[in-house]
Structures are given as C-alpha cells and as structure tokens.
Amino acid sequence: MDADTPTAGSGDAEGSGPEPVVLYTEADTVAFITLNRPERMNTLTEGVIAGVADGIDQSES
C-alpha cells in the first residue's frame, strides 16, 4: 500500500457520504487510524467503531 494513501474503514450507520469516516494510512512501520467526522466532533457510532476495528485488522495483516 502507498504510505500516503488513506483507505477507508467502514462507513457509519448514518451514511458516510463522499468522505470515509475512518481513515487508515501507513508510514514505514507505523499504522495511523484517523477519525474523520469533524462535523460530529468524531462521535463514536457503531460504524466508526467498526471502521476502527477494520483498521486494526488491516494493520495486523
């Protein structure tokens, strides 16, 4: 995977629209999982939690 290319985790239950609600990026040996819902103050929803879990799974593979 390209180090600067974000990949999306799961969308949120309310519909993620054009932007993914969870971003996953890698740089060298570090994985970054970023919550991307500033308009909702990054509130945790089932979809966001699932996206974080997907990012963790992706980092372990």
Protein backbone atom coordinates (compact mmCIF):
# COMPACT_ATOMS: atom_id res chain seq x y z
CA MET A 1 0.00 0.00 0.00
CA ASP A 2 1.14 3.53 -0.74
CA ALA A 3 2.25 5.15 2.53
CA ASP A 4 0.37 8.40 1.94
CA THR A 5 -2.82 6.92 0.51
CA PRO A 6 -5.66 6.70 3.03
CA THR A 7 -8.03 3.80 2.82
CA ALA A 8 -11.45 3.83 4.35
CA GLY A 9 -12.72 1.67 7.12
CA SER A 10 -16.43 1.06 7.46
CA GLY A 11 -18.88 3.83 6.79
CA ASP A 12 -21.06 4.99 9.62
CA ALA A 13 -24.63 3.91 10.25
CA GLU A 14 -25.97 7.32 9.18
CA GLY A 15 -24.32 7.09 5.76
CA SER A 16 -20.77 8.14 5.21
CA GLY A 17 -21.32 10.40 2.19
CA PRO A 18 -18.35 11.08 -0.04
CA GLU A 19 -15.74 11.10 2.75
CA PRO A 20 -14.88 7.96 4.73
CA VAL A 21 -15.48 8.29 8.48
CA VAL A 22 -12.33 6.35 9.38
CA LEU A 23 -9.03 6.74 7.53
CA TYR A 24 -6.20 4.20 7.58
CA THR A 25 -2.68 5.09 6.48
CA GLU A 26 0.74 3.51 6.90
CA ALA A 27 4.13 5.20 7.05
CA ASP A 28 7.13 2.93 7.37
CA THR A 29 6.20 0.56 10.22
CA VAL A 30 3.53 2.78 11.79
CA ALA A 31 -0.21 2.48 11.07
CA PHE A 32 -2.46 5.51 11.63
CA ILE A 33 -6.21 5.22 12.20
CA THR A 34 -7.85 8.65 11.99
CA LEU A 35 -11.44 9.52 12.85
CA ASN A 36 -12.79 11.77 10.10
CA ARG A 37 -16.06 13.22 11.40
CA PRO A 38 -15.19 16.78 12.50
CA GLU A 39 -18.75 17.97 11.88
CA ARG A 40 -19.88 15.45 14.53
CA MET A 41 -16.87 16.03 16.81
CA ASN A 42 -15.75 12.47 15.96
CA THR A 43 -18.62 10.94 17.89
CA LEU A 44 -18.29 7.18 18.14
CA THR A 45 -21.06 5.34 16.32
CA GLU A 46 -21.31 1.66 15.51
CA GLY A 47 -19.95 2.43 12.04
CA VAL A 48 -16.96 4.35 13.39
CA ILE A 49 -16.16 1.60 15.88
CA ALA A 50 -16.39 -0.97 13.06
CA GLY A 51 -14.08 1.20 10.95
CA VAL A 52 -11.50 1.35 13.74
CA ALA A 53 -11.74 -2.43 14.15
CA ASP A 54 -11.24 -2.84 10.39
CA GLY A 55 -8.16 -0.61 10.57
CA ILE A 56 -6.73 -2.68 13.42
CA ASP A 57 -7.37 -5.86 11.44
CA GLN A 58 -5.71 -4.31 8.38
CA SER A 59 -2.64 -3.32 10.43
CA GLU A 60 -2.21 -6.86 11.72
CA SER A 61 -2.10 -8.39 8.24
